[in-house]
Amino acid sequence: MRIGTWNLAGRWDARHLDLINSMDCDVLLLTEVSERLDLPGYNLHLGQQLVALRRRWAAVASRLLMSPKPDPHGASAMVELGGLGVWSSILPWRSCGTRDPGPVGGCHKR
């Protein structure tokens, strides 16, 4: 299984799709995902919480059959792939201190 990661920083266009296709990954762990994301040939699970308008904190895309699971926290997305739990997440950064990076923790800009 080939796994790739990418912080999309809310951007999405044909160049991003070309690069993802060239990566030839079975599973992609994506962060700061625009809701405009379009990945033909992939199943997609977007995390529930927004980081900004039409932008999700995290997503998992997979060419394999996957079953979405409850997101472990607001800045994540989780699925099950053949008995394996796969989780994409934004990790807290220095200015967050001990607070959660999700909306409850207040460590993000709107």
C-alpha atoms as a PDB file:
ATOM      1  CA  MET A   1       0.000   0.000   0.000  1.00  0.00           C
ATOM      2  CA  ARG A   2       1.397   3.376  -1.047  1.00  0.00           C
ATOM      3  CA  ILE A   3       0.433   6.267   1.278  1.00  0.00           C
ATOM      4  CA  GLY A   4       0.982   9.964   0.594  1.00  0.00           C
ATOM      5  CA  THR A   5       0.403  13.107   2.646  1.00  0.00           C
ATOM      6  CA  TRP A   6      -0.127  16.710   1.601  1.00  0.00           C
ATOM      7  CA  ASN A   7      -1.247  19.948   3.233  1.00  0.00           C
ATOM      8  CA  LEU A   8      -3.236  21.527   0.399  1.00  0.00           C
ATOM      9  CA  ALA A   9      -3.548  24.880   2.250  1.00  0.00           C
ATOM     10  CA  GLY A  10      -7.090  25.187   0.861  1.00  0.00           C
ATOM     11  CA  ARG A  11      -5.974  25.241  -2.772  1.00  0.00           C
ATOM     12  CA  TRP A  12      -7.187  22.973  -5.576  1.00  0.00           C
ATOM     13  CA  ASP A  13      -6.750  23.079  -9.357  1.00  0.00           C
ATOM     14  CA  ALA A  14      -5.693  20.854 -12.261  1.00  0.00           C
ATOM     15  CA  ARG A  15      -2.003  21.065 -11.264  1.00  0.00           C
ATOM     16  CA  HIS A  16      -2.796  19.530  -7.876  1.00  0.00           C
ATOM     17  CA  LEU A  17      -4.692  16.687  -9.530  1.00  0.00           C
ATOM     18  CA  ASP A  18      -1.793  16.081 -11.939  1.00  0.00           C
ATOM     19  CA  LEU A  19       0.678  15.859  -9.060  1.00  0.00           C
ATOM     20  CA  ILE A  20      -1.559  13.535  -7.035  1.00  0.00           C
ATOM     21  CA  ASN A  21      -1.994  11.275 -10.074  1.00  0.00           C
ATOM     22  CA  SER A  22       1.788  11.198 -10.577  1.00  0.00           C
ATOM     23  CA  MET A  23       2.232  10.151  -6.914  1.00  0.00           C
ATOM     24  CA  ASP A  24       0.216   6.984  -7.681  1.00  0.00           C
ATOM     25  CA  CYS A  25      -0.869   6.535  -4.046  1.00  0.00           C
ATOM     26  CA  ASP A  26      -3.478   4.094  -2.816  1.00  0.00           C
ATOM     27  CA  VAL A  27      -4.241   6.311   0.195  1.00  0.00           C
ATOM     28  CA  LEU A  28      -3.855  10.067   0.657  1.00  0.00           C
ATOM     29  CA  LEU A  29      -3.861  11.805   4.039  1.00  0.00           C
ATOM     30  CA  LEU A  30      -4.781  15.398   3.252  1.00  0.00           C
ATOM     31  CA  THR A  31      -5.013  18.504   5.403  1.00  0.00           C
ATOM     32  CA  GLU A  32      -6.546  21.961   4.875  1.00  0.00           C
ATOM     33  CA  VAL A  33      -8.744  20.480   2.161  1.00  0.00           C
ATOM     34  CA  SER A  34     -10.869  22.639  -0.123  1.00  0.00           C
ATOM     35  CA  GLU A  35     -14.379  21.336  -0.627  1.00  0.00           C
ATOM     36  CA  ARG A  36     -13.665  21.853  -4.372  1.00  0.00           C
ATOM     37  CA  LEU A  37     -11.345  18.819  -4.202  1.00  0.00           C
ATOM     38  CA  ASP A  38     -12.156  16.381  -7.014  1.00  0.00           C
ATOM     39  CA  LEU A  39     -10.210  13.112  -7.128  1.00  0.00           C
ATOM     40  CA  PRO A  40     -11.580  10.753  -9.809  1.00  0.00           C
ATOM     41  CA  GLY A  41     -10.916   7.141  -8.861  1.00  0.00           C
ATOM     42  CA  TYR A  42     -10.708   7.867  -5.120  1.00  0.00           C
ATOM     43  CA  ASN A  43     -13.233   7.484  -2.310  1.00  0.00           C
ATOM     44  CA  LEU A  44     -13.166  10.547  -0.057  1.00  0.00           C
ATOM     45  CA  HIS A  45     -13.939  11.128   3.614  1.00  0.00           C
ATOM     46  CA  LEU A  46     -13.846  14.775   4.687  1.00  0.00           C
ATOM     47  CA  GLY A  47     -13.435  15.571   8.373  1.00  0.00           C
ATOM     48  CA  GLN A  48     -16.427  17.272   9.942  1.00  0.00           C
ATOM     49  CA  GLN A  49     -14.962  20.581  11.104  1.00  0.00           C
ATOM     50  CA  LEU A  50     -14.122  23.571   8.971  1.00  0.00           C
ATOM     51  CA  VAL A  51     -10.860  25.474   9.277  1.00  0.00           C
ATOM     52  CA  ALA A  52     -12.284  28.232   7.032  1.00  0.00           C
ATOM     53  CA  LEU A  53     -15.218  28.700   4.695  1.00  0.00           C
ATOM     54  CA  ARG A  54     -15.439  25.596   2.406  1.00  0.00           C
ATOM     55  CA  ARG A  55     -12.147  24.239   3.794  1.00  0.00           C
ATOM     56  CA  ARG A  56     -11.936  21.152   6.041  1.00  0.00           C
ATOM     57  CA  TRP A  57      -9.144  20.463   8.491  1.00  0.00           C
ATOM     58  CA  ALA A  58      -8.501  16.953   7.169  1.00  0.00           C
ATOM     59  CA  ALA A  59      -9.542  14.252   4.719  1.00  0.00           C
ATOM     60  CA  VAL A  60      -8.662  10.704   3.722  1.00  0.00           C
ATOM     61  CA  ALA A  61      -8.836   9.692   0.065  1.00  0.00           C
ATOM     62  CA  SER A  62      -8.429   6.076  -0.979  1.00  0.00           C
ATOM     63  CA  ARG A  63      -8.567   3.907  -4.078  1.00  0.00           C
ATOM     64  CA  LEU A  64      -9.399   1.058  -1.700  1.00  0.00           C
ATOM     65  CA  LEU A  65     -12.772   0.387  -0.108  1.00  0.00           C
ATOM     66  CA  MET A  66     -13.000   2.338   3.112  1.00  0.00           C
ATOM     67  CA  SER A  67     -15.462   2.792   5.905  1.00  0.00           C
ATOM     68  CA  PRO A  68     -15.633   6.274   7.484  1.00  0.00           C
ATOM     69  CA  LYS A  69     -15.323   6.277  11.275  1.00  0.00           C
ATOM     70  CA  PRO A  70     -16.094   9.015  13.799  1.00  0.00           C
ATOM     71  CA  ASP A  71     -13.356  11.630  13.660  1.00  0.00           C
ATOM     72  CA  PRO A  72     -11.148  11.338  16.776  1.00  0.00           C
ATOM     73  CA  HIS A  73     -11.119  15.131  17.199  1.00  0.00           C
ATOM     74  CA  GLY A  74     -12.179  18.227  15.283  1.00  0.00           C
ATOM     75  CA  ALA A  75      -9.023  18.601  13.220  1.00  0.00           C
ATOM     76  CA  SER A  76      -9.006  15.059  11.833  1.00  0.00           C
ATOM     77  CA  ALA A  77     -10.641  12.501   9.545  1.00  0.00           C
ATOM     78  CA  MET A  78     -10.606   8.735  10.151  1.00  0.00           C
ATOM     79  CA  VAL A  79     -11.521   5.670   8.076  1.00  0.00           C
ATOM     80  CA  GLU A  80     -11.052   1.928   8.249  1.00  0.00           C
ATOM     81  CA  LEU A  81      -9.307   0.161   5.369  1.00  0.00           C
ATOM     82  CA  GLY A  82      -9.522  -3.623   5.604  1.00  0.00           C
ATOM     83  CA  GLY A  83      -9.303  -3.619   9.405  1.00  0.00           C
ATOM     84  CA  LEU A  84      -6.644  -0.892   9.521  1.00  0.00           C
ATOM     85  CA  GLY A  85      -7.530   2.478  11.058  1.00  0.00           C
ATOM     86  CA  VAL A  86      -6.192   5.366   8.979  1.00  0.00           C
ATOM     87  CA  TRP A  87      -6.245   8.898  10.360  1.00  0.00           C
ATOM     88  CA  SER A  88      -5.398  12.275   8.825  1.00  0.00           C
ATOM     89  CA  SER A  89      -4.894  15.098  11.294  1.00  0.00           C
ATOM     90  CA  ILE A  90      -3.605  18.598  11.797  1.00  0.00           C
ATOM     91  CA  LEU A  91      -1.164  18.479  14.684  1.00  0.00           C
ATOM     92  CA  PRO A  92      -1.104  21.282  17.258  1.00  0.00           C
ATOM     93  CA  TRP A  93       1.500  23.954  16.592  1.00  0.00           C
ATOM     94  CA  ARG A  94       3.616  26.000  18.986  1.00  0.00           C
ATOM     95  CA  SER A  95       1.175  28.905  19.420  1.00  0.00           C
ATOM     96  CA  CYS A  96      -1.606  26.455  20.382  1.00  0.00           C
ATOM     97  CA  GLY A  97       0.166  25.546  23.577  1.00  0.00           C
ATOM     98  CA  THR A  98      -1.851  22.746  25.171  1.00  0.00           C
ATOM     99  CA  ARG A  99      -5.122  23.696  23.449  1.00  0.00           C
ATOM    100  CA  ASP A 100      -6.832  21.581  20.769  1.00  0.00           C
ATOM    101  CA  PRO A 101      -6.320  23.081  17.263  1.00  0.00           C
ATOM    102  CA  GLY A 102     -10.051  22.740  16.545  1.00  0.00           C
ATOM    103  CA  PRO A 103     -12.653  25.472  16.977  1.00  0.00           C
ATOM    104  CA  VAL A 104     -13.170  24.741  20.678  1.00  0.00           C
ATOM    105  CA  GLY A 105      -9.477  25.379  21.341  1.00  0.00           C
ATOM    106  CA  GLY A 106      -9.447  28.576  19.335  1.00  0.00           C
ATOM    107  CA  CYS A 107      -6.055  27.961  17.713  1.00  0.00           C
ATOM    108  CA  HIS A 108      -7.054  28.789  14.162  1.00  0.00           C
ATOM    109  CA  LYS A 109      -7.870  31.874  12.134  1.00  0.00           C
ATOM    110  CA  ARG A 110     -11.302  32.334  10.605  1.00  0.00           C
END
